[in-house]
Amino acid sequence: MNDYQFIKEFTNITVASICKKLGIRSCNVFNGQTTDENYRKVKKEIIRELLILMIQNKPEDMVTLALYDEVIMKLEKENKMLKEMI
């Protein structure tokens, strides 16, 4: 992927497009009127989309995406356990 393609793909990553993909109303996200869970989902997907773009630019970084998914799953599990303890 050349620099032009990278920049072009980067501009396609928007909060509105991610919200649409996740089935979350983007106007609620922008207005601060959605749930904390929805904000977490949107943030996670933004990071994921950026990592995918970086991997396309540098394919040897595929491990980065796998590690990201693994870390997110562990954090979500720990967060759930903490909530159950409270």
N, C-alpha and C. Protein backbone atom coordinates (compact mmCIF):
# COMPACT_ATOMS: atom_id res chain seq x y z
N MET A 1 0.85 -1.17 0.00
CA MET A 1 0.00 0.00 0.00
C MET A 1 0.90 1.24 0.00
N ASN A 2 0.67 2.13 -0.95
CA ASN A 2 1.49 3.34 -0.98
C ASN A 2 0.89 4.40 -0.06
N ASP A 3 1.59 5.51 0.09
CA ASP A 3 1.16 6.57 1.02
C ASP A 3 -0.19 7.15 0.65
N TYR A 4 -0.44 7.33 -0.64
CA TYR A 4 -1.73 7.87 -1.09
C TYR A 4 -2.87 6.95 -0.68
N GLN A 5 -2.70 5.64 -0.93
CA GLN A 5 -3.75 4.68 -0.58
C GLN A 5 -3.99 4.65 0.93
N PHE A 6 -2.91 4.74 1.70
CA PHE A 6 -3.03 4.75 3.16
C PHE A 6 -3.88 5.93 3.62
N ILE A 7 -3.56 7.12 3.11
CA ILE A 7 -4.29 8.33 3.50
C ILE A 7 -5.75 8.24 3.05
N LYS A 8 -5.97 7.75 1.85
CA LYS A 8 -7.33 7.61 1.34
C LYS A 8 -8.15 6.67 2.22
N GLU A 9 -7.57 5.54 2.58
CA GLU A 9 -8.27 4.58 3.45
C GLU A 9 -8.48 5.16 4.84
N PHE A 10 -7.51 5.92 5.33
CA PHE A 10 -7.63 6.53 6.66
C PHE A 10 -8.83 7.47 6.72
N THR A 11 -9.06 8.22 5.65
CA THR A 11 -10.18 9.16 5.65
C THR A 11 -11.53 8.45 5.62
N ASN A 12 -11.55 7.16 5.27
CA ASN A 12 -12.79 6.39 5.28
C ASN A 12 -13.19 5.93 6.67
N ILE A 13 -12.28 6.03 7.62
CA ILE A 13 -12.58 5.61 8.99
C ILE A 13 -13.21 6.80 9.71
N THR A 14 -14.51 6.74 9.91
CA THR A 14 -15.22 7.81 10.61
C THR A 14 -16.04 7.21 11.75
N VAL A 15 -16.33 8.03 12.74
CA VAL A 15 -17.17 7.59 13.84
C VAL A 15 -18.55 7.21 13.32
N ALA A 16 -19.07 7.99 12.39
CA ALA A 16 -20.40 7.70 11.83
C ALA A 16 -20.43 6.34 11.13
N SER A 17 -19.39 6.04 10.35
CA SER A 17 -19.37 4.74 9.65
C SER A 17 -19.22 3.58 10.63
N ILE A 18 -18.46 3.79 11.68
CA ILE A 18 -18.28 2.75 12.69
C ILE A 18 -19.58 2.53 13.45
N CYS A 19 -20.27 3.62 13.80
CA CYS A 19 -21.56 3.50 14.48
C CYS A 19 -22.56 2.73 13.62
N LYS A 20 -22.58 3.05 12.34
CA LYS A 20 -23.49 2.36 11.42
C LYS A 20 -23.17 0.87 11.39
N LYS A 21 -21.90 0.55 11.32
CA LYS A 21 -21.45 -0.84 11.30
C LYS A 21 -21.88 -1.59 12.58
N LEU A 22 -21.86 -0.88 13.71
CA LEU A 22 -22.19 -1.49 15.00
C LEU A 22 -23.68 -1.40 15.33
N GLY A 23 -24.43 -0.67 14.52
CA GLY A 23 -25.86 -0.50 14.79
C GLY A 23 -26.14 0.46 15.93
N ILE A 24 -25.27 1.45 16.09
CA ILE A 24 -25.41 2.46 17.15
C ILE A 24 -25.70 3.79 16.49
N ARG A 25 -26.64 4.54 17.04
CA ARG A 25 -26.97 5.85 16.46
C ARG A 25 -25.83 6.83 16.70
N SER A 26 -25.22 7.30 15.63
CA SER A 26 -24.06 8.18 15.75
C SER A 26 -24.42 9.51 16.40
N CYS A 27 -25.64 10.01 16.17
CA CYS A 27 -26.01 11.29 16.77
C CYS A 27 -25.99 11.19 18.29
N ASN A 28 -26.36 10.03 18.84
CA ASN A 28 -26.31 9.84 20.30
C ASN A 28 -24.87 9.81 20.80
N VAL A 29 -23.98 9.25 20.00
CA VAL A 29 -22.57 9.21 20.37
C VAL A 29 -22.00 10.62 20.39
N PHE A 30 -22.30 11.40 19.36
CA PHE A 30 -21.78 12.77 19.27
C PHE A 30 -22.38 13.68 20.33
N ASN A 31 -23.63 13.43 20.73
CA ASN A 31 -24.31 14.29 21.71
C ASN A 31 -24.07 13.85 23.14
N GLY A 32 -23.35 12.77 23.34
CA GLY A 32 -23.09 12.28 24.69
C GLY A 32 -24.30 11.61 25.31
N GLN A 33 -25.17 11.06 24.47
CA GLN A 33 -26.41 10.48 24.98
C GLN A 33 -26.52 8.98 24.69
N THR A 34 -25.42 8.28 24.79
CA THR A 34 -25.47 6.83 24.62
C THR A 34 -24.87 6.18 25.86
N THR A 35 -24.87 4.89 25.89
CA THR A 35 -24.38 4.18 27.08
C THR A 35 -22.86 4.07 27.08
N ASP A 36 -22.32 3.83 28.26
CA ASP A 36 -20.88 3.61 28.37
C ASP A 36 -20.46 2.40 27.53
N GLU A 37 -21.32 1.40 27.50
CA GLU A 37 -21.04 0.20 26.70
C GLU A 37 -20.90 0.55 25.22
N ASN A 38 -21.78 1.41 24.72
CA ASN A 38 -21.70 1.82 23.31
C ASN A 38 -20.42 2.61 23.04
N TYR A 39 -20.03 3.48 23.98
CA TYR A 39 -18.78 4.22 23.80
C TYR A 39 -17.60 3.25 23.74
N ARG A 40 -17.62 2.23 24.61
CA ARG A 40 -16.54 1.24 24.59
C ARG A 40 -16.50 0.49 23.26
N LYS A 41 -17.67 0.12 22.75
CA LYS A 41 -17.74 -0.59 21.47
C LYS A 41 -17.17 0.27 20.34
N VAL A 42 -17.56 1.54 20.32
CA VAL A 42 -17.10 2.44 19.26
C VAL A 42 -15.59 2.65 19.37
N LYS A 43 -15.10 2.88 20.57
CA LYS A 43 -13.67 3.08 20.77
C LYS A 43 -12.88 1.84 20.34
N LYS A 44 -13.37 0.67 20.74
CA LYS A 44 -12.71 -0.58 20.38
C LYS A 44 -12.65 -0.74 18.86
N GLU A 45 -13.75 -0.42 18.19
CA GLU A 45 -13.80 -0.58 16.74
C GLU A 45 -12.92 0.45 16.03
N ILE A 46 -12.83 1.67 16.57
CA ILE A 46 -11.93 2.68 15.99
C ILE A 46 -10.50 2.16 16.03
N ILE A 47 -10.09 1.67 17.19
CA ILE A 47 -8.73 1.15 17.34
C ILE A 47 -8.51 -0.02 16.40
N ARG A 48 -9.50 -0.90 16.31
CA ARG A 48 -9.39 -2.07 15.43
C ARG A 48 -9.24 -1.66 13.97
N GLU A 49 -10.04 -0.70 13.53
CA GLU A 49 -9.96 -0.23 12.14
C GLU A 49 -8.59 0.39 11.85
N LEU A 50 -8.07 1.15 12.80
CA LEU A 50 -6.74 1.75 12.61
C LEU A 50 -5.66 0.68 12.55
N LEU A 51 -5.77 -0.33 13.40
CA LEU A 51 -4.80 -1.42 13.35
C LEU A 51 -4.86 -2.17 12.03
N ILE A 52 -6.06 -2.42 11.55
CA ILE A 52 -6.20 -3.10 10.25
C ILE A 52 -5.54 -2.28 9.15
N LEU A 53 -5.75 -0.98 9.18
CA LEU A 53 -5.14 -0.11 8.18
C LEU A 53 -3.62 -0.16 8.28
N MET A 54 -3.10 -0.15 9.50
CA MET A 54 -1.66 -0.21 9.69
C MET A 54 -1.11 -1.55 9.18
N ILE A 55 -1.85 -2.62 9.40
CA ILE A 55 -1.41 -3.94 8.95
C ILE A 55 -1.39 -4.00 7.43
N GLN A 56 -2.39 -3.39 6.80
CA GLN A 56 -2.40 -3.37 5.34
C GLN A 56 -1.19 -2.62 4.80
N ASN A 57 -0.75 -1.63 5.55
CA ASN A 57 0.42 -0.86 5.17
C ASN A 57 1.70 -1.66 5.44
N LYS A 58 1.66 -2.49 6.48
CA LYS A 58 2.83 -3.26 6.89
C LYS A 58 2.36 -4.65 7.33
N PRO A 59 2.16 -5.57 6.39
CA PRO A 59 1.54 -6.88 6.67
C PRO A 59 2.18 -7.69 7.80
N GLU A 60 3.45 -7.49 8.07
CA GLU A 60 4.09 -8.28 9.12
C GLU A 60 3.55 -7.94 10.51
N ASP A 61 2.72 -6.89 10.61
CA ASP A 61 2.14 -6.51 11.90
C ASP A 61 0.83 -7.22 12.20
N MET A 62 0.51 -8.27 11.47
CA MET A 62 -0.74 -9.01 11.71
C MET A 62 -0.81 -9.51 13.15
N VAL A 63 0.33 -9.80 13.74
CA VAL A 63 0.38 -10.24 15.14
C VAL A 63 -0.19 -9.16 16.05
N THR A 64 0.03 -7.90 15.71
CA THR A 64 -0.47 -6.80 16.52
C THR A 64 -1.98 -6.87 16.67
N LEU A 65 -2.69 -7.13 15.60
CA LEU A 65 -4.15 -7.22 15.65
C LEU A 65 -4.59 -8.40 16.51
N ALA A 66 -3.95 -9.52 16.36
CA ALA A 66 -4.30 -10.69 17.17
C ALA A 66 -4.06 -10.42 18.64
N LEU A 67 -2.95 -9.77 18.96
CA LEU A 67 -2.66 -9.43 20.35
C LEU A 67 -3.68 -8.44 20.90
N TYR A 68 -4.06 -7.47 20.09
CA TYR A 68 -5.07 -6.49 20.50
C TYR A 68 -6.37 -7.19 20.86
N ASP A 69 -6.84 -8.08 20.00
CA ASP A 69 -8.08 -8.81 20.27
C ASP A 69 -7.97 -9.62 21.56
N GLU A 70 -6.84 -10.25 21.77
CA GLU A 70 -6.63 -11.06 22.97
C GLU A 70 -6.64 -10.19 24.23
N VAL A 71 -5.96 -9.07 24.19
CA VAL A 71 -5.92 -8.16 25.33
C VAL A 71 -7.31 -7.62 25.64
N ILE A 72 -8.04 -7.22 24.62
CA ILE A 72 -9.39 -6.69 24.82
C ILE A 72 -10.28 -7.74 25.47
N MET A 73 -10.21 -8.98 25.01
CA MET A 73 -11.03 -10.05 25.59
C MET A 73 -10.70 -10.25 27.06
N LYS A 74 -9.41 -10.24 27.40
CA LYS A 74 -9.01 -10.41 28.80
C LYS A 74 -9.49 -9.24 29.65
N LEU A 75 -9.36 -8.02 29.14
CA LEU A 75 -9.81 -6.86 29.90
C LEU A 75 -11.31 -6.88 30.12
N GLU A 76 -12.06 -7.27 29.11
CA GLU A 76 -13.51 -7.35 29.24
C GLU A 76 -13.90 -8.41 30.26
N LYS A 77 -13.20 -9.53 30.28
CA LYS A 77 -13.48 -10.60 31.24
C LYS A 77 -13.18 -10.12 32.67
N GLU A 78 -12.04 -9.44 32.85
CA GLU A 78 -11.68 -8.92 34.16
C GLU A 78 -12.68 -7.87 34.62
N ASN A 79 -13.10 -7.01 33.70
CA ASN A 79 -14.07 -5.97 34.03
C ASN A 79 -15.39 -6.60 34.48
N LYS A 80 -15.81 -7.64 33.80
CA LYS A 80 -17.06 -8.34 34.15
C LYS A 80 -16.94 -8.96 35.53
N MET A 81 -15.80 -9.58 35.82
CA MET A 81 -15.60 -10.20 37.13
C MET A 81 -15.61 -9.15 38.23
N LEU A 82 -14.99 -7.99 37.99
CA LEU A 82 -14.98 -6.92 38.98
C LEU A 82 -16.39 -6.41 39.25
N LYS A 83 -17.18 -6.25 38.20
CA LYS A 83 -18.56 -5.79 38.37
C LYS A 83 -19.38 -6.78 39.18
N GLU A 84 -19.15 -8.08 38.97
CA GLU A 84 -19.87 -9.11 39.71
C GLU A 84 -19.48 -9.11 41.18
N MET A 85 -18.26 -8.72 41.48
CA MET A 85 -17.79 -8.70 42.86
C MET A 85 -18.38 -7.53 43.65
N ILE A 86 -18.75 -6.48 42.94
CA ILE A 86 -19.25 -5.26 43.62
C ILE A 86 -20.68 -5.41 44.03
